[in-house]
Amino acid sequence: MKLGLLLLAALPIATYAQDSIAVSSYDEYPNTFSSGSANVQPFNNKARKFNDWSISVGGGTALMTFADLKSVYDKKVNWGWNAYASVDKQITHVFGLSLQYQMGKTKQQAELPNNPAAGVANAWTKYQQISLLGDINFSNLFRRVDNMSPYRWALHGYIGGGVQSYKTELIDLDGSRWSDVPPKRIPISVDQKLGIESFFMQAGVGLKYNASKLIDIEARVMYVNSFDEEFDGGGVSRGNETAPNRVDYNLINDSYSDAMMTFNLGLSFKLGKHTTHLAWHDPLQETYSRIHTLENTNVDFVVCEKGDQDNDGVCDDWDRQLDTPAGARVDGAGVALDMDLDGVIDLYDKCVTVPGPVENAGCPK
């Protein structure tokens, strides 16, 4: 009995709470782009305003810069190469994530200070890396909301880490073993397999140019720290106990971690049907732009399209009394007020609050 009364009480509330047009199907819900249940659309990918996925590729040079064996030796640059490909997801207009694959090869040289017989050693490092990068859009982060200039350039910061595999080789005139068959020198080598034990990190900056709605061009500089002392090809030890008069290559510098720099030029292909990518959108600037446009737009608003022929302040479109006498107060429908409802409007009624006949100007006899 109580449940029935509760349902009867709730039925009118549920009825009047609905708009006049019912939702057509059970899977359609109101969202931020609708104006109520009478005009709804599902909140899915079709409701998005911006693209947020992209694919990036690029390449350039790689230089072993912070290590025992270096790519710049005796004022000579030993150029290496580097290439990358990534899948990018823009989370907000300021932050994004990239899953990146990178590979390359560096060339470096060094000379042992206590073993001149070894001569100048030449080393090579081939590497492959898989990493997750965070992408911070500094231009969106620090852009002034009143900056109305065209937004075509953006400074990005990257930081992240991953795992790598690499293979190194080093040849000198002493440490490399002699072989009776070609090649005469067997290189000192390290073969690091891909695994969690070979973690690395990288950080850097990139300058992007919004070339079109489909393509971005970027110049990127990255610092890559291997956290391994063998990454530069110096071998697997920090000293040779069997030959105390020799100094191995890992003792040239005090650093226990070899690092390189990469300098790349790349392209980002923005995926999606929308004309704008989320990385090039600043919501604060958009809001300011709309306010600025409204403040500086002179619009002549037409209040009454059909006019107000009796000049009572109520447009003829909804005026129920088009011949209201001049000076009479009217209600919202344009009808002259008659407070005492005696048939004499207040303009002519000499006794506004007391009913009276018309022939006595609205006053009682």
Protein backbone atom coordinates (compact mmCIF):
# COMPACT_ATOMS: atom_id res chain seq x y z
CA MET A 1 0.00 0.00 0.00
CA LYS A 2 2.77 2.44 0.99
CA LEU A 3 4.77 1.55 -2.13
CA GLY A 4 1.74 2.30 -4.31
CA LEU A 5 1.24 5.71 -2.72
CA LEU A 6 4.93 6.49 -3.18
CA LEU A 7 4.78 5.65 -6.87
CA LEU A 8 1.65 7.77 -7.33
CA ALA A 9 3.40 10.71 -5.65
CA ALA A 10 6.52 10.34 -7.77
CA LEU A 11 4.69 9.99 -11.10
CA PRO A 12 3.75 13.68 -11.52
CA ILE A 13 7.27 14.78 -10.59
CA ALA A 14 8.82 12.43 -13.15
CA THR A 15 6.33 13.55 -15.77
CA TYR A 16 6.89 17.29 -15.40
CA ALA A 17 10.66 16.85 -15.05
CA GLN A 18 10.90 15.65 -18.67
CA ASP A 19 11.17 17.88 -21.72
CA SER A 20 8.40 17.88 -24.25
CA ILE A 21 10.45 15.72 -26.62
CA ALA A 22 11.44 12.32 -25.26
CA VAL A 23 14.84 10.74 -25.76
CA SER A 24 14.62 8.45 -28.75
CA SER A 25 16.71 5.55 -27.45
CA TYR A 26 18.09 4.20 -24.22
CA ASP A 27 21.74 4.69 -25.18
CA GLU A 28 21.57 8.45 -25.76
CA TYR A 29 22.56 10.65 -22.85
CA PRO A 30 22.89 14.39 -22.28
CA ASN A 31 26.45 15.78 -22.40
CA THR A 32 28.28 19.06 -22.47
CA PHE A 33 27.41 19.60 -26.12
CA SER A 34 23.64 19.24 -25.62
CA SER A 35 21.04 21.62 -24.24
CA GLY A 36 18.90 19.13 -22.37
CA SER A 37 17.30 15.77 -23.00
CA ALA A 38 15.44 17.16 -26.01
CA ASN A 39 18.72 17.60 -27.88
CA VAL A 40 21.16 14.88 -26.89
CA GLN A 41 23.95 12.90 -28.49
CA PRO A 42 26.13 10.08 -27.13
CA PHE A 43 29.40 11.19 -25.54
CA ASN A 44 31.82 9.31 -27.79
CA ASN A 45 34.59 10.00 -30.31
CA LYS A 46 32.12 11.69 -32.67
CA ALA A 47 31.42 14.34 -30.03
CA ARG A 48 35.09 15.39 -29.80
CA LYS A 49 36.12 18.79 -31.17
CA PHE A 50 39.84 18.08 -31.72
CA ASN A 51 42.21 15.40 -32.99
CA ASP A 52 44.42 13.94 -30.25
CA TRP A 53 46.37 11.11 -31.95
CA SER A 54 49.43 11.40 -34.19
CA ILE A 55 52.33 9.37 -35.58
CA SER A 56 55.83 10.85 -35.57
CA VAL A 57 58.97 9.84 -37.47
CA GLY A 58 62.35 11.47 -37.64
CA GLY A 59 66.07 11.07 -37.85
CA GLY A 60 69.40 12.81 -37.63
CA THR A 61 72.77 12.44 -36.00
CA ALA A 62 73.84 10.81 -32.74
CA LEU A 63 76.99 11.82 -30.86
CA MET A 64 78.58 10.13 -27.84
CA THR A 65 79.28 13.24 -25.78
CA PHE A 66 79.45 12.32 -22.07
CA ALA A 67 81.62 9.21 -21.96
CA ASP A 68 85.19 7.92 -21.94
CA LEU A 69 85.25 7.51 -25.71
CA LYS A 70 83.71 10.50 -27.46
CA SER A 71 82.40 11.29 -30.91
CA VAL A 72 84.29 14.61 -30.93
CA TYR A 73 87.97 13.79 -30.66
CA ASP A 74 91.04 15.84 -31.64
CA LYS A 75 88.77 18.55 -33.10
CA LYS A 76 87.20 16.00 -35.42
CA VAL A 77 83.53 14.99 -35.36
CA ASN A 78 82.70 11.32 -35.89
CA TRP A 79 79.13 11.55 -37.08
CA GLY A 80 76.67 8.85 -36.12
CA TRP A 81 73.04 8.41 -37.08
CA ASN A 82 69.73 8.07 -35.27
CA ALA A 83 66.10 7.42 -36.24
CA TYR A 84 62.85 7.19 -34.30
CA ALA A 85 59.15 6.44 -34.73
CA SER A 86 56.42 7.02 -32.16
CA VAL A 87 52.69 6.86 -31.54
CA ASP A 88 51.53 10.01 -29.74
CA LYS A 89 48.44 10.61 -27.61
CA GLN A 90 47.56 14.15 -26.51
CA ILE A 91 45.96 13.99 -23.04
CA THR A 92 45.34 17.73 -22.60
CA HIS A 93 46.38 20.84 -24.53
CA VAL A 94 49.48 20.95 -22.28
CA PHE A 95 50.48 17.28 -21.78
CA GLY A 96 50.81 14.21 -23.99
CA LEU A 97 52.38 10.74 -24.03
CA SER A 98 54.48 9.01 -26.72
CA LEU A 99 55.43 5.35 -27.14
CA GLN A 100 58.70 5.52 -29.07
CA TYR A 101 61.08 3.14 -30.83
CA GLN A 102 64.58 4.46 -31.53
CA MET A 103 67.69 3.02 -33.15
CA GLY A 104 71.06 4.28 -34.29
CA LYS A 105 74.82 4.03 -34.31
CA THR A 106 77.52 6.21 -32.81
CA LYS A 107 81.24 6.43 -33.59
CA GLN A 108 83.73 7.50 -30.96
CA GLN A 109 87.48 7.64 -30.26
CA ALA A 110 89.85 7.87 -27.32
CA GLU A 111 93.50 7.33 -26.39
CA LEU A 112 94.82 5.72 -23.23
CA PRO A 113 97.04 8.19 -21.34
CA ASN A 114 99.29 5.47 -19.85
CA ASN A 115 99.50 3.20 -22.86
CA PRO A 116 100.63 5.08 -25.97
CA ALA A 117 101.27 1.78 -27.73
CA ALA A 118 97.52 1.28 -28.05
CA GLY A 119 97.25 4.34 -30.27
CA VAL A 120 93.92 5.97 -30.96
CA ALA A 121 91.07 3.54 -30.32
CA ASN A 122 88.03 3.51 -32.58
CA ALA A 123 84.71 2.31 -31.17
CA TRP A 124 81.18 1.86 -32.45
CA THR A 125 77.88 1.51 -30.61
CA LYS A 126 74.73 0.15 -32.27
CA TYR A 127 71.60 0.49 -30.16
CA GLN A 128 67.84 -0.08 -30.12
CA GLN A 129 65.53 1.54 -27.56
CA ILE A 130 61.89 1.38 -26.54
CA SER A 131 60.68 4.18 -24.29
CA LEU A 132 57.68 6.08 -22.95
CA LEU A 133 57.96 9.87 -23.19
CA GLY A 134 56.03 12.62 -21.48
CA ASP A 135 55.43 15.68 -23.66
CA ILE A 136 54.92 19.10 -22.05
CA ASN A 137 53.76 21.91 -24.34
CA PHE A 138 55.48 24.95 -22.82
CA SER A 139 53.98 27.31 -25.39
CA ASN A 140 50.46 26.38 -24.31
CA LEU A 141 51.44 26.31 -20.65
CA PHE A 142 52.82 29.87 -20.58
CA ARG A 143 50.90 31.48 -23.45
CA ARG A 144 49.08 34.71 -22.51
CA VAL A 145 45.33 34.49 -22.92
CA ASP A 146 45.27 37.90 -24.61
CA ASN A 147 47.87 36.84 -27.18
CA MET A 148 45.89 36.92 -30.42
CA SER A 149 48.86 36.27 -32.73
CA PRO A 150 48.75 33.27 -35.09
CA TYR A 151 49.71 30.10 -33.21
CA ARG A 152 52.15 28.26 -35.52
CA TRP A 153 55.24 27.64 -33.34
CA ALA A 154 55.40 25.66 -30.09
CA LEU A 155 58.20 24.70 -27.70
CA HIS A 156 57.90 21.17 -26.28
CA GLY A 157 59.78 19.48 -23.45
CA TYR A 158 60.29 15.70 -23.32
CA ILE A 159 61.25 13.38 -20.48
CA GLY A 160 60.96 9.64 -20.11
CA GLY A 161 62.72 6.31 -19.98
CA GLY A 162 62.71 2.76 -21.23
CA VAL A 163 64.87 -0.26 -22.00
CA GLN A 164 67.55 -0.73 -24.62
CA SER A 165 69.86 -3.24 -26.25
CA TYR A 166 73.23 -2.33 -27.70
CA LYS A 167 76.34 -3.87 -29.19
CA THR A 168 79.74 -2.19 -29.00
CA GLU A 169 83.09 -2.84 -30.67
CA LEU A 170 86.50 -1.29 -30.02
CA ILE A 171 89.74 -1.70 -31.94
CA ASP A 172 93.16 -0.35 -30.92
CA LEU A 173 96.77 -1.38 -31.47
CA ASP A 174 97.21 -3.17 -28.15
CA GLY A 175 94.05 -4.20 -26.33
CA SER A 176 92.43 -5.85 -29.35
CA ARG A 177 93.51 -9.48 -29.65
CA TRP A 178 95.57 -10.56 -32.63
CA SER A 179 94.22 -13.08 -35.09
CA ASP A 180 96.07 -15.07 -37.73
CA VAL A 181 93.12 -14.81 -40.11
CA PRO A 182 91.51 -11.62 -41.39
CA PRO A 183 90.53 -9.37 -39.75
CA LYS A 184 93.85 -9.18 -37.97
CA ARG A 185 92.35 -7.55 -34.91
CA ILE A 186 89.47 -9.08 -32.96
CA PRO A 187 87.54 -6.14 -31.46
CA ILE A 188 86.75 -5.77 -27.80
CA SER A 189 82.97 -6.09 -27.78
CA VAL A 190 79.94 -5.93 -25.50
CA ASP A 191 76.56 -7.38 -26.44
CA GLN A 192 73.82 -6.05 -24.15
CA LYS A 193 70.47 -7.75 -24.69
CA LEU A 194 67.16 -5.95 -24.42
CA GLY A 195 65.90 -6.21 -20.86
CA ILE A 196 64.90 -4.41 -17.71
CA GLU A 197 68.51 -4.56 -16.49
CA SER A 198 69.43 -2.09 -19.22
CA PHE A 199 67.23 0.85 -18.29
CA PHE A 200 67.95 4.28 -19.77
CA MET A 201 66.41 7.73 -19.54
CA GLN A 202 66.20 10.66 -21.92
CA ALA A 203 65.14 14.29 -21.82
CA GLY A 204 65.18 17.17 -24.26
CA VAL A 205 63.33 19.89 -26.12
CA GLY A 206 61.69 20.24 -29.49
CA LEU A 207 60.52 23.18 -31.57
CA LYS A 208 57.39 22.38 -33.59
CA TYR A 209 55.91 24.20 -36.55
CA ASN A 210 52.25 23.72 -37.47
CA ALA A 211 52.70 23.30 -41.23
CA SER A 212 49.10 22.25 -41.93
CA LYS A 213 46.12 20.57 -40.31
CA LEU A 214 47.76 17.21 -41.09
CA ILE A 215 51.51 17.73 -40.57
CA ASP A 216 53.84 19.24 -37.95
CA ILE A 217 57.57 19.74 -38.52
CA GLU A 218 59.88 19.46 -35.51
CA ALA A 219 63.54 20.01 -34.67
CA ARG A 220 64.39 17.96 -31.57
CA VAL A 221 67.46 17.71 -29.30
CA MET A 222 67.65 14.86 -26.76
CA TYR A 223 70.03 13.86 -23.98
CA VAL A 224 70.16 10.05 -23.60
CA ASN A 225 71.74 8.56 -20.46
CA SER A 226 72.45 4.83 -20.64
CA PHE A 227 73.30 4.31 -16.93
CA ASP A 228 75.91 1.84 -18.26
CA GLU A 229 79.67 2.38 -18.39
CA GLU A 230 80.00 0.01 -21.35
CA PHE A 231 77.72 1.98 -23.66
CA ASP A 232 80.61 3.87 -25.30
CA GLY A 233 82.51 0.66 -26.19
CA GLY A 234 85.09 0.96 -23.42
CA GLY A 235 84.78 -2.67 -22.38
CA VAL A 236 83.30 -4.45 -19.38
CA SER A 237 85.81 -3.63 -16.63
CA ARG A 238 87.28 -0.59 -14.85
CA GLY A 239 90.87 -1.85 -14.81
CA ASN A 240 92.91 -4.82 -15.82
CA GLU A 241 94.42 -6.54 -12.78
CA THR A 242 96.49 -8.87 -14.96
CA ALA A 243 98.22 -5.90 -16.61
CA PRO A 244 98.61 -3.22 -13.91
CA ASN A 245 100.68 -0.94 -16.13
CA ARG A 246 97.82 -0.56 -18.56
CA VAL A 247 94.77 1.69 -18.01
CA ASP A 248 91.57 0.55 -19.66
CA TYR A 249 89.18 2.93 -21.42
CA ASN A 250 86.58 3.05 -18.66
CA LEU A 251 89.10 4.80 -16.41
CA ILE A 252 89.70 7.77 -18.70
CA ASN A 253 86.87 9.69 -16.98
CA ASP A 254 85.40 9.33 -13.52
CA SER A 255 81.86 8.96 -14.80
CA TYR A 256 80.18 5.58 -14.39
CA SER A 257 77.40 6.41 -16.82
CA ASP A 258 77.81 7.01 -20.56
CA ALA A 259 75.46 9.40 -22.33
CA MET A 260 74.91 10.69 -25.86
CA MET A 261 73.09 13.51 -27.64
CA THR A 262 70.76 13.15 -30.61
CA PHE A 263 69.82 15.93 -33.02
CA ASN A 264 66.80 15.09 -35.16
CA LEU A 265 64.44 16.58 -37.69
CA GLY A 266 61.02 14.92 -37.78
CA LEU A 267 57.43 14.98 -38.98
CA SER A 268 54.22 14.40 -37.02
CA PHE A 269 51.17 13.19 -38.92
CA LYS A 270 48.02 14.27 -37.09
CA LEU A 271 45.25 11.67 -37.28
CA GLY A 272 41.53 12.43 -37.33
CA LYS A 273 38.82 14.28 -39.22
CA HIS A 274 38.86 17.53 -37.23
CA THR A 275 40.65 20.64 -38.48
CA THR A 276 42.49 21.30 -35.20
CA HIS A 277 44.74 19.13 -33.04
CA LEU A 278 44.46 19.38 -29.26
CA ALA A 279 48.17 20.25 -28.99
CA TRP A 280 47.49 23.48 -30.91
CA HIS A 281 44.43 24.49 -28.91
CA ASP A 282 44.41 26.85 -25.94
CA PRO A 283 40.97 26.93 -24.24
CA LEU A 284 41.77 30.10 -22.26
CA GLN A 285 42.75 31.90 -25.44
CA GLU A 286 39.55 30.70 -27.13
CA THR A 287 37.44 32.07 -24.28
CA TYR A 288 39.27 35.39 -24.35
CA SER A 289 38.84 35.57 -28.12
CA ARG A 290 35.09 35.17 -27.84
CA ILE A 291 34.81 37.83 -25.13
CA HIS A 292 37.08 40.19 -27.08
CA THR A 293 34.97 39.71 -30.21
CA LEU A 294 31.72 40.48 -28.38
CA GLU A 295 33.21 43.56 -26.72
CA ASN A 296 34.41 45.00 -30.01
CA THR A 297 31.44 44.17 -32.18
CA ASN A 298 28.82 46.87 -32.81
CA VAL A 299 25.53 45.06 -33.23
CA ASP A 300 22.24 46.87 -33.69
CA PHE A 301 19.72 44.68 -31.94
CA VAL A 302 16.24 44.81 -33.45
CA VAL A 303 13.85 44.60 -30.50
CA CYS A 304 10.56 44.72 -32.40
CA GLU A 305 10.60 43.44 -35.95
CA LYS A 306 6.97 44.49 -36.55
CA GLY A 307 7.25 47.70 -34.55
CA ASP A 308 5.23 49.10 -31.64
CA GLN A 309 2.45 51.16 -33.14
CA ASP A 310 0.94 52.31 -29.81
CA ASN A 311 4.35 53.04 -28.25
CA ASP A 312 3.49 51.25 -25.02
CA GLY A 313 6.82 49.36 -24.89
CA VAL A 314 5.32 46.01 -25.94
CA CYS A 315 6.13 44.78 -29.44
CA ASP A 316 3.22 44.27 -31.79
CA ASP A 317 4.27 40.60 -32.14
CA TRP A 318 2.78 39.87 -28.72
CA ASP A 319 0.75 43.02 -27.92
CA ARG A 320 -2.87 42.06 -27.14
CA GLN A 321 -4.03 45.67 -27.23
CA LEU A 322 -2.54 47.49 -30.20
CA ASP A 323 -4.38 50.79 -29.52
CA THR A 324 -3.37 51.47 -25.93
CA PRO A 325 -3.88 55.20 -25.14
CA ALA A 326 -0.70 57.22 -24.87
CA GLY A 327 0.55 57.43 -21.29
CA ALA A 328 -1.33 54.37 -20.01
CA ARG A 329 0.56 51.83 -17.96
CA VAL A 330 0.37 48.33 -19.44
CA ASP A 331 1.07 44.76 -18.36
CA GLY A 332 3.40 42.35 -20.12
CA ALA A 333 0.82 41.64 -22.83
CA GLY A 334 0.38 45.32 -23.70
CA VAL A 335 -3.06 45.65 -22.02
CA ALA A 336 -3.76 48.90 -20.13
CA LEU A 337 -3.84 48.40 -16.36
CA ASP A 338 -7.15 48.58 -14.46
CA MET A 339 -6.29 47.94 -10.79
CA ASP A 340 -9.87 47.98 -9.41
CA LEU A 341 -11.29 46.08 -12.42
CA ASP A 342 -14.17 48.52 -12.85
CA GLY A 343 -13.74 48.84 -16.61
CA VAL A 344 -12.01 52.20 -16.41
CA ILE A 345 -8.28 52.01 -17.09
CA ASP A 346 -6.03 53.62 -14.52
CA LEU A 347 -5.15 56.42 -16.94
CA TYR A 348 -8.77 57.74 -16.81
CA ASP A 349 -9.81 56.34 -13.40
CA LYS A 350 -9.98 59.06 -10.76
CA CYS A 351 -10.48 56.43 -8.03
CA VAL A 352 -7.83 53.84 -9.03
CA THR A 353 -8.29 51.55 -6.03
CA VAL A 354 -12.10 51.84 -5.65
CA PRO A 355 -14.49 50.45 -8.30
CA GLY A 356 -16.95 52.89 -9.82
CA PRO A 357 -19.09 53.30 -12.98
CA VAL A 358 -17.64 54.58 -16.21
CA GLU A 359 -19.91 57.62 -16.28
CA ASN A 360 -18.48 58.75 -12.92
CA ALA A 361 -14.80 58.38 -14.05
CA GLY A 362 -14.42 55.16 -12.07
CA CYS A 363 -15.46 56.58 -8.71
CA PRO A 364 -18.42 55.39 -6.63
CA LYS A 365 -21.51 57.60 -6.65
